[in-house]
């Protein structure tokens, strides 16, 4: 059974989404702004070292994440995307809405 994860994104006045195809292990960025799309694609194509918390707020370990490895890895990488690229992840915006209304 094919399972995809999608989340809405925005850049400037443009809405879009990131989709992960679990079968193909591919990340796809759909965004009407070419600059934002390129930034997101480049960011999501790299392996990221991210500090993950454990037992306390001072207990972190650095772990490497490849967004294309799994939907869970993609979700962790997405938490860092905005600060490096300016592409915002709209976790609560329905993706179906974005597909119908790609602009604010």
N, C-alpha and C. Protein backbone atom coordinates (compact mmCIF):
# COMPACT_ATOMS: atom_id res chain seq x y z
N UNK A 1 0.83 -1.19 0.00
CA UNK A 1 0.00 0.00 0.00
C UNK A 1 0.88 1.25 0.00
N UNK A 2 0.64 2.15 -0.92
CA UNK A 2 1.41 3.37 -1.03
C UNK A 2 1.00 4.34 0.07
N UNK A 3 2.00 4.93 0.69
CA UNK A 3 1.72 5.88 1.76
C UNK A 3 2.57 7.12 1.54
N UNK A 4 1.93 8.27 1.44
CA UNK A 4 2.63 9.53 1.26
C UNK A 4 2.35 10.45 2.44
N UNK A 5 3.35 11.24 2.79
CA UNK A 5 3.21 12.28 3.80
C UNK A 5 3.29 13.61 3.08
N UNK A 6 2.41 14.54 3.39
CA UNK A 6 2.44 15.88 2.80
C UNK A 6 2.26 16.92 3.89
N UNK A 7 2.94 18.05 3.69
CA UNK A 7 2.79 19.17 4.62
C UNK A 7 2.84 20.46 3.80
N UNK A 8 2.04 21.44 4.20
CA UNK A 8 1.99 22.72 3.50
C UNK A 8 3.23 23.55 3.82
N UNK A 9 3.66 24.35 2.84
CA UNK A 9 4.75 25.30 3.02
C UNK A 9 4.34 26.64 2.43
N UNK A 10 5.08 27.69 2.80
CA UNK A 10 4.84 29.00 2.19
C UNK A 10 6.16 29.73 2.06
N UNK A 11 6.21 30.58 1.04
CA UNK A 11 7.38 31.42 0.78
C UNK A 11 6.86 32.69 0.14
N UNK A 12 7.03 33.80 0.80
CA UNK A 12 6.47 35.05 0.29
C UNK A 12 4.96 34.94 0.24
N UNK A 13 4.39 35.24 -0.92
CA UNK A 13 2.94 35.16 -1.10
C UNK A 13 2.49 33.82 -1.69
N UNK A 14 3.40 32.88 -1.81
CA UNK A 14 3.10 31.60 -2.45
C UNK A 14 2.95 30.47 -1.44
N UNK A 15 1.93 29.69 -1.65
CA UNK A 15 1.71 28.49 -0.84
C UNK A 15 2.09 27.27 -1.68
N UNK A 16 2.52 26.23 -1.03
CA UNK A 16 2.87 24.99 -1.71
C UNK A 16 2.91 23.86 -0.72
N UNK A 17 3.60 22.80 -1.07
CA UNK A 17 3.69 21.67 -0.15
C UNK A 17 4.92 20.83 -0.44
N UNK A 18 5.30 20.08 0.57
CA UNK A 18 6.36 19.08 0.45
C UNK A 18 5.68 17.74 0.59
N UNK A 19 6.01 16.83 -0.32
CA UNK A 19 5.41 15.50 -0.29
C UNK A 19 6.50 14.45 -0.27
N UNK A 20 6.30 13.43 0.58
CA UNK A 20 7.25 12.33 0.67
C UNK A 20 6.58 11.06 0.18
N UNK A 21 7.19 10.42 -0.80
CA UNK A 21 6.70 9.16 -1.34
C UNK A 21 7.47 8.04 -0.66
N UNK A 22 6.80 7.33 0.23
CA UNK A 22 7.44 6.28 1.02
C UNK A 22 7.91 5.11 0.16
N UNK A 23 7.18 4.80 -0.90
CA UNK A 23 7.57 3.70 -1.78
C UNK A 23 8.85 4.01 -2.53
N UNK A 24 8.93 5.22 -3.10
CA UNK A 24 10.09 5.63 -3.89
C UNK A 24 11.20 6.27 -3.04
N UNK A 25 10.87 6.61 -1.79
CA UNK A 25 11.80 7.33 -0.91
C UNK A 25 12.29 8.62 -1.58
N UNK A 26 11.31 9.41 -2.03
CA UNK A 26 11.61 10.68 -2.71
C UNK A 26 10.83 11.82 -2.06
N UNK A 27 11.50 12.96 -2.02
CA UNK A 27 10.89 14.18 -1.51
C UNK A 27 10.60 15.09 -2.69
N UNK A 28 9.39 15.59 -2.77
CA UNK A 28 8.98 16.47 -3.86
C UNK A 28 8.53 17.80 -3.27
N UNK A 29 9.01 18.91 -3.84
CA UNK A 29 8.62 20.25 -3.41
C UNK A 29 7.76 20.86 -4.50
N UNK A 30 6.56 21.30 -4.15
CA UNK A 30 5.66 21.98 -5.09
C UNK A 30 5.44 23.38 -4.53
N UNK A 31 5.96 24.38 -5.26
CA UNK A 31 5.87 25.77 -4.80
C UNK A 31 5.96 26.67 -6.02
N UNK A 32 5.07 27.65 -6.12
CA UNK A 32 5.01 28.54 -7.28
C UNK A 32 6.16 29.52 -7.38
N UNK A 33 6.91 29.72 -6.31
CA UNK A 33 8.05 30.64 -6.32
C UNK A 33 9.32 29.83 -6.57
N UNK A 34 9.98 30.08 -7.69
CA UNK A 34 11.15 29.28 -8.08
C UNK A 34 12.31 29.42 -7.09
N UNK A 35 12.51 30.62 -6.57
CA UNK A 35 13.59 30.83 -5.60
C UNK A 35 13.34 30.00 -4.34
N UNK A 36 12.13 30.07 -3.80
CA UNK A 36 11.78 29.30 -2.61
C UNK A 36 11.83 27.81 -2.86
N UNK A 37 11.35 27.39 -4.02
CA UNK A 37 11.39 25.97 -4.37
C UNK A 37 12.82 25.47 -4.43
N UNK A 38 13.70 26.23 -5.07
CA UNK A 38 15.10 25.82 -5.18
C UNK A 38 15.76 25.75 -3.81
N UNK A 39 15.49 26.74 -2.96
CA UNK A 39 16.06 26.73 -1.60
C UNK A 39 15.59 25.49 -0.83
N UNK A 40 14.30 25.19 -0.91
CA UNK A 40 13.75 24.03 -0.20
C UNK A 40 14.32 22.73 -0.74
N UNK A 41 14.39 22.60 -2.06
CA UNK A 41 14.92 21.37 -2.66
C UNK A 41 16.38 21.15 -2.28
N UNK A 42 17.18 22.22 -2.33
CA UNK A 42 18.59 22.09 -1.96
C UNK A 42 18.74 21.72 -0.49
N UNK A 43 17.96 22.35 0.36
CA UNK A 43 18.01 22.07 1.80
C UNK A 43 17.61 20.62 2.08
N UNK A 44 16.54 20.17 1.46
CA UNK A 44 16.03 18.82 1.73
C UNK A 44 16.87 17.72 1.08
N UNK A 45 17.75 18.08 0.16
CA UNK A 45 18.59 17.07 -0.49
C UNK A 45 19.87 16.77 0.29
N UNK A 46 20.15 17.58 1.31
CA UNK A 46 21.38 17.38 2.10
C UNK A 46 21.10 16.57 3.37
N UNK A 47 22.13 15.93 3.88
CA UNK A 47 22.07 15.26 5.18
C UNK A 47 22.34 16.33 6.23
N UNK A 48 21.53 16.34 7.29
CA UNK A 48 21.64 17.36 8.33
C UNK A 48 22.00 16.72 9.67
N UNK A 49 22.90 17.37 10.37
CA UNK A 49 23.21 16.95 11.73
C UNK A 49 22.40 17.83 12.67
N UNK A 50 21.51 17.20 13.42
CA UNK A 50 20.56 17.93 14.27
C UNK A 50 20.67 17.38 15.69
N UNK A 51 20.68 18.29 16.66
CA UNK A 51 20.72 17.89 18.06
C UNK A 51 19.32 17.48 18.51
N UNK A 52 19.21 16.27 19.03
CA UNK A 52 17.94 15.71 19.46
C UNK A 52 17.92 15.63 20.98
N UNK A 53 16.85 16.15 21.63
CA UNK A 53 16.77 16.09 23.10
C UNK A 53 16.38 14.69 23.58
N UNK A 54 16.77 14.42 24.83
CA UNK A 54 16.45 13.12 25.42
C UNK A 54 15.80 13.31 26.79
N UNK A 55 16.44 12.90 27.85
CA UNK A 55 15.85 12.89 29.19
C UNK A 55 15.58 14.29 29.77
N UNK A 56 16.50 15.23 29.56
CA UNK A 56 16.34 16.57 30.12
C UNK A 56 16.57 17.59 29.01
N UNK A 57 16.36 18.86 29.35
CA UNK A 57 16.59 19.93 28.38
C UNK A 57 18.08 20.13 28.09
N UNK A 58 18.94 19.51 28.87
CA UNK A 58 20.37 19.63 28.66
C UNK A 58 20.98 18.36 28.08
N UNK A 59 20.15 17.37 27.83
CA UNK A 59 20.62 16.06 27.35
C UNK A 59 20.32 15.93 25.86
N UNK A 60 21.31 16.28 25.03
CA UNK A 60 21.17 16.23 23.58
C UNK A 60 22.24 15.33 22.98
N UNK A 61 21.90 14.72 21.87
CA UNK A 61 22.91 14.05 21.05
C UNK A 61 22.73 14.52 19.62
N UNK A 62 23.84 14.63 18.91
CA UNK A 62 23.79 15.01 17.49
C UNK A 62 23.55 13.76 16.67
N UNK A 63 22.55 13.83 15.81
CA UNK A 63 22.23 12.72 14.94
C UNK A 63 22.11 13.23 13.51
N UNK A 64 22.42 12.37 12.56
CA UNK A 64 22.33 12.74 11.15
C UNK A 64 21.00 12.28 10.57
N UNK A 65 20.39 13.17 9.77
CA UNK A 65 19.10 12.89 9.17
C UNK A 65 19.12 13.19 7.68
N UNK A 66 18.65 12.24 6.91
CA UNK A 66 18.46 12.39 5.47
C UNK A 66 16.95 12.45 5.25
N UNK A 67 16.47 13.56 4.73
CA UNK A 67 15.03 13.75 4.57
C UNK A 67 14.38 12.66 3.72
N UNK A 68 15.12 12.09 2.79
CA UNK A 68 14.56 11.07 1.90
C UNK A 68 14.55 9.67 2.53
N UNK A 69 15.13 9.51 3.70
CA UNK A 69 15.20 8.19 4.33
C UNK A 69 13.84 7.69 4.81
N UNK A 70 13.04 8.58 5.39
CA UNK A 70 11.72 8.19 5.90
C UNK A 70 10.89 9.44 6.16
N UNK A 71 9.61 9.26 6.34
CA UNK A 71 8.73 10.40 6.66
C UNK A 71 9.13 11.00 8.00
N UNK A 72 9.53 10.17 8.97
CA UNK A 72 9.95 10.68 10.27
C UNK A 72 11.21 11.52 10.15
N UNK A 73 12.17 11.09 9.35
CA UNK A 73 13.39 11.87 9.13
C UNK A 73 13.05 13.20 8.45
N UNK A 74 12.18 13.16 7.46
CA UNK A 74 11.76 14.38 6.78
C UNK A 74 11.15 15.36 7.77
N UNK A 75 10.29 14.89 8.64
CA UNK A 75 9.64 15.76 9.62
C UNK A 75 10.66 16.45 10.51
N UNK A 76 11.69 15.74 10.94
CA UNK A 76 12.72 16.33 11.78
C UNK A 76 13.50 17.38 11.00
N UNK A 77 13.88 17.07 9.77
CA UNK A 77 14.62 18.02 8.94
C UNK A 77 13.77 19.27 8.67
N UNK A 78 12.48 19.09 8.46
CA UNK A 78 11.60 20.23 8.19
C UNK A 78 11.57 21.23 9.35
N UNK A 79 11.83 20.77 10.57
CA UNK A 79 11.82 21.69 11.72
C UNK A 79 12.94 22.72 11.62
N UNK A 80 13.94 22.48 10.79
CA UNK A 80 15.07 23.39 10.65
C UNK A 80 15.05 24.19 9.34
N UNK A 81 14.10 23.90 8.46
CA UNK A 81 14.12 24.49 7.12
C UNK A 81 13.94 26.01 7.12
N UNK A 82 13.00 26.52 7.90
CA UNK A 82 12.70 27.94 7.85
C UNK A 82 13.90 28.80 8.22
N UNK A 83 14.63 28.41 9.27
CA UNK A 83 15.73 29.26 9.72
C UNK A 83 16.86 29.35 8.69
N UNK A 84 17.01 28.36 7.84
CA UNK A 84 18.08 28.41 6.83
C UNK A 84 17.61 28.93 5.48
N UNK A 85 16.35 28.70 5.13
CA UNK A 85 15.89 29.02 3.78
C UNK A 85 14.83 30.12 3.70
N UNK A 86 14.13 30.37 4.79
CA UNK A 86 13.00 31.30 4.75
C UNK A 86 11.72 30.66 4.25
N UNK A 87 11.77 29.37 3.92
CA UNK A 87 10.57 28.64 3.52
C UNK A 87 9.93 28.11 4.79
N UNK A 88 8.70 28.54 5.03
CA UNK A 88 7.99 28.21 6.27
C UNK A 88 7.16 26.94 6.11
N UNK A 89 7.22 26.07 7.11
CA UNK A 89 6.39 24.87 7.11
C UNK A 89 5.11 25.20 7.86
N UNK A 90 3.98 25.07 7.18
CA UNK A 90 2.66 25.37 7.76
C UNK A 90 2.04 24.07 8.26
N UNK A 91 2.51 23.59 9.39
CA UNK A 91 2.10 22.29 9.91
C UNK A 91 0.59 22.13 10.03
N UNK A 92 -0.13 23.21 10.36
CA UNK A 92 -1.57 23.09 10.60
C UNK A 92 -2.44 23.43 9.39
N UNK A 93 -1.85 23.91 8.31
CA UNK A 93 -2.64 24.26 7.12
C UNK A 93 -2.93 22.99 6.31
N UNK A 94 -4.19 22.74 5.99
CA UNK A 94 -4.52 21.54 5.20
C UNK A 94 -3.90 21.60 3.79
N UNK A 95 -3.23 20.54 3.39
CA UNK A 95 -2.58 20.49 2.08
C UNK A 95 -3.61 20.59 0.96
N UNK A 96 -4.78 20.03 1.12
CA UNK A 96 -5.82 20.12 0.09
C UNK A 96 -6.22 21.57 -0.16
N UNK A 97 -6.23 22.39 0.89
CA UNK A 97 -6.52 23.81 0.74
C UNK A 97 -5.44 24.48 -0.11
N UNK A 98 -4.18 24.16 0.18
CA UNK A 98 -3.04 24.74 -0.54
C UNK A 98 -3.10 24.37 -2.02
N UNK A 99 -3.46 23.14 -2.31
CA UNK A 99 -3.54 22.72 -3.71
C UNK A 99 -4.61 23.52 -4.47
N UNK A 100 -5.69 23.87 -3.79
CA UNK A 100 -6.77 24.64 -4.43
C UNK A 100 -6.49 26.14 -4.43
N UNK A 101 -5.69 26.64 -3.47
CA UNK A 101 -5.42 28.07 -3.33
C UNK A 101 -3.92 28.28 -3.13
N UNK A 102 -3.12 28.31 -4.19
CA UNK A 102 -1.67 28.40 -4.04
C UNK A 102 -1.13 29.79 -3.70
N UNK A 103 -2.00 30.76 -3.46
CA UNK A 103 -1.57 32.11 -3.08
C UNK A 103 -2.44 32.58 -1.92
N UNK A 104 -1.89 33.52 -1.15
CA UNK A 104 -2.68 34.12 -0.06
C UNK A 104 -3.76 34.98 -0.64
